[in-house]
Amino acid sequence: MKAIVVTDPAAGLAGMTLADRPEPSPAINDVVVEVHAAGFVPTEVDWPSTWADRAGRDKTPSILGHEVAGVVSALGYGTTGLSVGQRVFGLADWHRDGTLAEYVAMEARNLAPLPGDVDFTVAASLPISGLTAWQGLFQHGRLRSGQTVLAHGAGGAVGSMVTQLAREAGAYVIGTGRAADRQKVLDFGANEFVDLEHDALEEVGGVDLVFDVIGGDIQRRSAALIRPSGTLVTIVAPPEARPVDGLAIDFVVEADRGQLTEIVQRVRDGRLRTNIGDVADLDDAVAALDPTRRRTGKTVIRVRP
């Protein structure tokens, strides 16, 4: 099968190639998915799991990608809950070969059924962005109606999901980004926009929850804005700053079939819009994933027409 692989951590994305790799076989409780579309996160090359398995052993050449939408083509021993020919989407394990390939083997529990009226390209854009926003807001941030959320990077793939889900939950959302992102952020439902390059972040006032995708100085300044008993949620790294009277939580997104089902239903209902930037075919994926390109939304690779 064809797959996008990397072999050298020092080269990163610059070392990507389209290569032939063996088709995967399903392990116990696995399925093999015939990939129709796959999402991509540029920071994957910085994750230790891209280069090593759980035992720390080198696993190169590594197949990139962890978001998938496709059709189940085979079941492993003991696999239940899914069937051959079923449309699915989900989040592949960090330490196994990824989804930028014609086929991927993954645990069945990491997949959710994909309704027939949702396009594979749309579905492939949802798992990481949607689950990250959902888990950060509701599991870790314990968001409640009437609270104020400061959503950093609100024009990006994760931030736009944070904005929409928080608004639907009854929160007042202040989105941040670059000046060029203003209209996009407001269109995704933010009540206010803060230009991090020119506006004074400190003028935002008190907030109940900060959703941080930036870290560094922005994270430290944001922590000072959090009201008593509020929460800083970050996906960047262990937080460098903490609210004076509140929580600071960092987390790694996890696959969850129930949450994926909730997210895709909102897409079907029109309550949640995807934020897709570049879309390319597998043969053109290396150029599309060029690390020098500025991305304005989720990058999706169409593996099959």
Protein backbone atom coordinates (compact mmCIF):
# COMPACT_ATOMS: atom_id res chain seq x y z
CA MET A 1 0.00 0.00 0.00
CA LYS A 2 1.01 3.65 -0.36
CA ALA A 3 1.75 5.61 2.82
CA ILE A 4 3.36 8.87 3.96
CA VAL A 5 6.39 7.97 6.10
CA VAL A 6 9.15 9.70 8.04
CA THR A 7 12.46 8.11 8.99
CA ASP A 8 14.63 10.75 10.63
CA PRO A 9 13.64 12.88 13.66
CA ALA A 10 16.25 15.46 12.72
CA ALA A 11 14.68 15.96 9.29
CA GLY A 12 11.10 16.13 10.62
CA LEU A 13 8.47 16.88 8.01
CA ALA A 14 11.20 17.75 5.51
CA GLY A 15 12.03 14.04 5.45
CA MET A 16 8.53 12.91 4.44
CA THR A 17 8.18 10.56 1.51
CA LEU A 18 5.39 8.64 -0.22
CA ALA A 19 6.47 5.02 0.09
CA ASP A 20 5.24 1.47 -0.32
CA ARG A 21 4.53 -0.28 2.99
CA PRO A 22 3.03 -3.68 3.83
CA GLU A 23 -0.72 -3.73 4.36
CA PRO A 24 -1.52 -4.12 8.08
CA SER A 25 -3.12 -7.15 9.69
CA PRO A 26 -5.60 -6.74 12.55
CA ALA A 27 -4.57 -7.77 16.06
CA ILE A 28 -7.00 -8.92 18.73
CA ASN A 29 -9.88 -6.41 19.06
CA ASP A 30 -8.60 -4.51 16.02
CA VAL A 31 -10.16 -3.57 12.74
CA VAL A 32 -8.48 -2.70 9.47
CA VAL A 33 -9.88 0.48 7.95
CA GLU A 34 -9.76 1.19 4.24
CA VAL A 35 -8.80 4.85 4.56
CA HIS A 36 -10.79 7.37 2.52
CA ALA A 37 -9.52 10.52 4.26
CA ALA A 38 -7.03 11.33 7.01
CA GLY A 39 -6.42 14.41 9.13
CA PHE A 40 -2.97 15.71 9.99
CA VAL A 41 -1.39 17.74 12.82
CA PRO A 42 1.98 19.33 11.90
CA THR A 43 3.40 18.90 15.42
CA GLU A 44 3.26 15.10 15.11
CA VAL A 45 6.94 15.02 14.21
CA ASP A 46 7.72 16.47 17.66
CA TRP A 47 5.87 13.71 19.50
CA PRO A 48 8.06 10.89 20.90
CA SER A 49 5.32 8.42 19.91
CA THR A 50 5.98 9.17 16.24
CA TRP A 51 9.43 7.68 16.50
CA ALA A 52 9.20 4.97 19.18
CA ASP A 53 6.78 2.33 20.36
CA ARG A 54 5.55 2.03 23.95
CA ALA A 55 8.70 0.15 24.93
CA GLY A 56 10.86 2.97 23.59
CA ARG A 57 12.06 0.98 20.58
CA ASP A 58 12.66 2.73 17.27
CA LYS A 59 9.67 2.18 14.97
CA THR A 60 10.81 4.02 11.85
CA PRO A 61 9.82 4.24 9.08
CA SER A 62 6.75 5.72 10.80
CA ILE A 63 3.47 6.33 9.04
CA LEU A 64 2.07 9.75 9.98
CA GLY A 65 -1.51 10.76 10.76
CA HIS A 66 -3.94 9.78 13.52
CA GLU A 67 -7.35 10.96 12.33
CA VAL A 68 -9.21 8.65 9.98
CA ALA A 69 -12.47 8.27 8.09
CA GLY A 70 -13.10 5.21 5.99
CA VAL A 71 -14.67 1.76 5.73
CA VAL A 72 -13.98 -1.33 7.84
CA SER A 73 -12.31 -3.93 5.62
CA ALA A 74 -11.32 -6.62 8.16
CA LEU A 75 -11.91 -7.61 11.79
CA GLY A 76 -9.40 -8.97 14.26
CA TYR A 77 -10.06 -11.90 16.57
CA GLY A 78 -12.64 -11.02 19.21
CA THR A 79 -13.61 -7.69 17.66
CA THR A 80 -17.21 -6.70 18.32
CA GLY A 81 -19.35 -3.62 17.79
CA LEU A 82 -18.30 -2.94 14.19
CA SER A 83 -18.75 -4.87 10.96
CA VAL A 84 -16.99 -5.24 7.61
CA GLY A 85 -18.24 -2.61 5.17
CA GLN A 86 -19.26 -0.15 7.90
CA ARG A 87 -18.39 3.54 7.55
CA VAL A 88 -16.34 4.74 10.54
CA PHE A 89 -14.19 7.59 11.79
CA GLY A 90 -11.93 8.01 14.78
CA LEU A 91 -8.56 8.51 16.42
CA ALA A 92 -5.71 6.04 15.93
CA ASP A 93 -3.28 5.07 18.69
CA TRP A 94 -0.30 7.44 19.03
CA HIS A 95 2.31 4.66 19.10
CA ARG A 96 1.12 2.63 16.12
CA ASP A 97 1.36 3.28 12.40
CA GLY A 98 -0.86 6.15 11.40
CA THR A 99 -3.63 6.96 8.98
CA LEU A 100 -1.87 8.66 6.05
CA ALA A 101 -1.99 5.39 4.19
CA GLU A 102 -4.38 3.31 2.13
CA TYR A 103 -5.09 1.06 5.13
CA VAL A 104 -4.65 1.32 8.90
CA ALA A 105 -5.06 -1.24 11.69
CA MET A 106 -6.40 0.15 14.95
CA GLU A 107 -8.46 -0.74 17.99
CA ALA A 108 -12.17 -0.93 17.25
CA ARG A 109 -12.99 1.02 20.42
CA ASN A 110 -11.22 4.08 18.97
CA LEU A 111 -13.75 4.31 16.14
CA ALA A 112 -17.34 5.49 15.92
CA PRO A 113 -19.93 4.78 13.23
CA LEU A 114 -20.00 7.46 10.53
CA PRO A 115 -23.47 8.39 9.26
CA GLY A 116 -23.90 8.12 5.51
CA ASP A 117 -24.71 11.81 5.11
CA VAL A 118 -21.33 12.98 6.47
CA ASP A 119 -18.52 13.25 3.93
CA PHE A 120 -15.29 11.35 4.64
CA THR A 121 -13.25 14.57 4.30
CA VAL A 122 -15.40 16.31 6.91
CA ALA A 123 -15.24 13.32 9.25
CA ALA A 124 -11.44 13.12 9.05
CA SER A 125 -11.19 16.71 10.28
CA LEU A 126 -13.11 16.02 13.49
CA PRO A 127 -11.38 13.52 15.84
CA ILE A 128 -8.43 15.47 17.28
CA SER A 129 -9.94 18.95 17.04
CA GLY A 130 -13.39 17.93 18.20
CA LEU A 131 -12.33 15.62 21.01
CA THR A 132 -9.68 18.06 22.26
CA ALA A 133 -12.26 20.84 22.49
CA TRP A 134 -14.89 18.58 24.07
CA GLN A 135 -12.59 17.10 26.70
CA GLY A 136 -10.91 20.39 27.53
CA LEU A 137 -14.19 22.23 28.01
CA PHE A 138 -16.41 19.62 29.65
CA GLN A 139 -14.20 16.98 31.28
CA HIS A 140 -11.28 19.10 32.44
CA GLY A 141 -12.73 22.61 32.41
CA ARG A 142 -16.18 21.59 33.72
CA LEU A 143 -17.74 24.41 31.77
CA ARG A 144 -21.15 25.64 32.86
CA SER A 145 -23.68 27.89 31.20
CA GLY A 146 -23.12 31.57 31.93
CA GLN A 147 -19.35 31.30 32.34
CA THR A 148 -16.80 33.24 30.29
CA VAL A 149 -14.26 31.37 28.17
CA LEU A 150 -11.03 32.82 26.76
CA ALA A 151 -10.30 30.66 23.68
CA HIS A 152 -6.82 31.14 22.30
CA GLY A 153 -6.15 30.40 18.65
CA ALA A 154 -9.86 30.62 17.96
CA GLY A 155 -9.33 30.71 14.21
CA GLY A 156 -7.53 27.38 14.21
CA ALA A 157 -8.81 23.83 13.99
CA VAL A 158 -9.06 23.30 17.76
CA GLY A 159 -9.93 26.87 18.73
CA SER A 160 -12.87 27.09 16.35
CA MET A 161 -14.31 23.90 17.88
CA VAL A 162 -13.78 25.32 21.38
CA THR A 163 -15.62 28.49 20.40
CA GLN A 164 -18.62 26.70 18.92
CA LEU A 165 -19.03 24.09 21.65
CA ALA A 166 -18.64 26.68 24.41
CA ARG A 167 -21.24 28.97 22.82
CA GLU A 168 -23.66 26.08 22.45
CA ALA A 169 -23.16 25.29 26.14
CA GLY A 170 -24.22 28.83 27.05
CA ALA A 171 -20.80 30.41 27.62
CA TYR A 172 -19.63 33.90 26.67
CA VAL A 173 -16.60 33.37 24.41
CA ILE A 174 -13.67 35.70 23.86
CA GLY A 175 -11.60 34.41 20.95
CA THR A 176 -8.01 35.38 20.24
CA GLY A 177 -5.72 35.26 17.22
CA ARG A 178 -3.99 37.40 14.66
CA ALA A 179 -5.66 40.46 13.14
CA ALA A 180 -6.37 38.51 9.94
CA ASP A 181 -8.37 35.96 11.95
CA ARG A 182 -10.88 38.46 13.39
CA GLN A 183 -13.80 37.88 11.03
CA LYS A 184 -13.27 34.15 10.93
CA VAL A 185 -13.31 33.92 14.72
CA LEU A 186 -16.47 36.01 14.96
CA ASP A 187 -18.10 33.92 12.23
CA PHE A 188 -17.45 30.79 14.31
CA GLY A 189 -19.46 32.40 17.11
CA ALA A 190 -17.08 34.29 19.39
CA ASN A 191 -18.72 37.18 21.24
CA GLU A 192 -15.50 39.20 21.18
CA PHE A 193 -12.12 39.05 19.45
CA VAL A 194 -8.70 39.97 20.86
CA ASP A 195 -5.82 40.58 18.46
CA LEU A 196 -2.84 39.15 20.35
CA GLU A 197 -0.40 41.21 18.28
CA HIS A 198 -1.98 44.60 18.94
CA ASP A 199 -4.69 44.46 21.63
CA ALA A 200 -4.06 44.44 25.37
CA LEU A 201 -4.96 40.97 26.63
CA GLU A 202 -5.21 42.30 30.17
CA GLU A 203 -8.21 44.44 29.19
CA VAL A 204 -10.31 41.31 28.76
CA GLY A 205 -11.09 41.25 32.47
CA GLY A 206 -11.98 38.22 34.54
CA VAL A 207 -12.76 34.88 32.88
CA ASP A 208 -13.80 31.50 34.24
CA LEU A 209 -11.90 29.27 31.84
CA VAL A 210 -8.85 29.77 29.63
CA PHE A 211 -8.37 27.25 26.82
CA ASP A 212 -4.69 27.54 25.94
CA VAL A 213 -3.12 26.25 22.71
CA ILE A 214 -0.14 28.64 22.73
CA GLY A 215 1.74 28.42 26.03
CA GLY A 216 4.62 30.69 27.06
CA ASP A 217 3.99 34.33 27.81
CA ILE A 218 0.38 34.22 26.57
CA GLN A 219 -0.36 31.40 28.99
CA ARG A 220 1.22 33.27 31.91
CA ARG A 221 -0.69 36.48 31.16
CA SER A 222 -3.93 34.55 30.73
CA ALA A 223 -3.58 32.80 34.09
CA ALA A 224 -3.72 36.18 35.80
CA LEU A 225 -7.16 36.82 34.28
CA ILE A 226 -8.84 33.76 35.78
CA ARG A 227 -11.46 34.38 38.45
CA PRO A 228 -11.39 32.55 41.80
CA SER A 229 -12.08 28.82 41.34
CA GLY A 230 -11.57 29.17 37.58
CA THR A 231 -9.53 26.87 35.35
CA LEU A 232 -6.63 27.08 32.93
CA VAL A 233 -6.75 24.18 30.45
CA THR A 234 -3.78 23.70 28.16
CA ILE A 235 -2.74 21.21 25.50
CA VAL A 236 0.75 22.65 25.05
CA ALA A 237 2.71 21.14 27.95
CA PRO A 238 2.60 21.08 31.76
CA PRO A 239 1.46 24.62 32.60
CA GLU A 240 4.12 27.16 33.48
CA ALA A 241 1.55 29.41 35.14
CA ARG A 242 -1.35 28.79 37.49
CA PRO A 243 -4.33 30.86 38.59
CA VAL A 244 -3.97 32.41 42.04
CA ASP A 245 -7.12 30.62 43.18
CA GLY A 246 -7.99 27.94 40.66
CA LEU A 247 -6.80 24.93 38.68
CA ALA A 248 -4.26 24.48 35.89
CA ILE A 249 -4.70 21.31 33.86
CA ASP A 250 -2.80 19.91 30.90
CA PHE A 251 -4.08 16.86 29.04
CA VAL A 252 -3.58 14.64 26.03
CA VAL A 253 -6.69 13.96 23.99
CA GLU A 254 -8.10 10.44 24.09
CA ALA A 255 -10.34 8.51 21.74
CA ASP A 256 -13.94 8.23 22.93
CA ARG A 257 -16.69 6.66 20.82
CA GLY A 258 -19.51 8.38 22.70
CA GLN A 259 -17.98 11.82 22.34
CA LEU A 260 -17.25 11.26 18.64
CA THR A 261 -20.90 10.36 18.18
CA GLU A 262 -21.98 13.57 19.94
CA ILE A 263 -19.62 15.64 17.80
CA VAL A 264 -20.66 14.18 14.45
CA GLN A 265 -24.34 14.56 15.35
CA ARG A 266 -23.76 18.28 15.87
CA VAL A 267 -22.18 18.46 12.43
CA ARG A 268 -25.23 16.74 10.95
CA ASP A 269 -27.56 19.13 12.76
CA GLY A 270 -25.66 22.20 11.60
CA ARG A 271 -24.72 23.13 15.17
CA LEU A 272 -21.00 22.55 14.54
CA ARG A 273 -19.00 23.65 11.50
CA THR A 274 -15.68 22.13 10.54
CA ASN A 275 -12.62 24.27 9.96
CA ILE A 276 -10.84 22.64 7.03
CA GLY A 277 -7.90 24.41 5.44
CA ASP A 278 -5.89 22.47 2.85
CA VAL A 279 -7.25 19.34 1.16
CA ALA A 280 -4.97 17.23 -1.04
CA ASP A 281 -4.79 13.76 -2.53
CA LEU A 282 -2.34 11.19 -1.17
CA ASP A 283 -0.05 11.55 -4.18
CA ASP A 284 0.24 15.28 -3.45
CA ALA A 285 0.38 14.99 0.32
CA VAL A 286 4.11 15.63 0.72
CA ALA A 287 3.77 19.06 -0.89
CA ALA A 288 0.55 19.80 1.00
CA LEU A 289 2.21 19.03 4.35
CA ASP A 290 5.18 21.34 3.69
CA PRO A 291 6.19 22.63 7.14
CA THR A 292 6.81 26.15 5.85
CA ARG A 293 3.15 26.70 4.94
CA ARG A 294 0.94 28.69 7.31
CA ARG A 295 -2.20 26.71 8.05
CA THR A 296 -5.57 28.30 8.71
CA GLY A 297 -7.50 25.13 9.51
CA LYS A 298 -7.29 21.37 9.53
CA THR A 299 -5.24 19.73 6.78
CA VAL A 300 -7.01 16.70 5.30
CA ILE A 301 -5.56 14.17 2.86
CA ARG A 302 -8.02 12.36 0.61
CA VAL A 303 -6.67 8.85 0.19
CA ARG A 304 -9.50 7.67 -2.07
CA PRO A 305 -11.78 9.73 -4.33
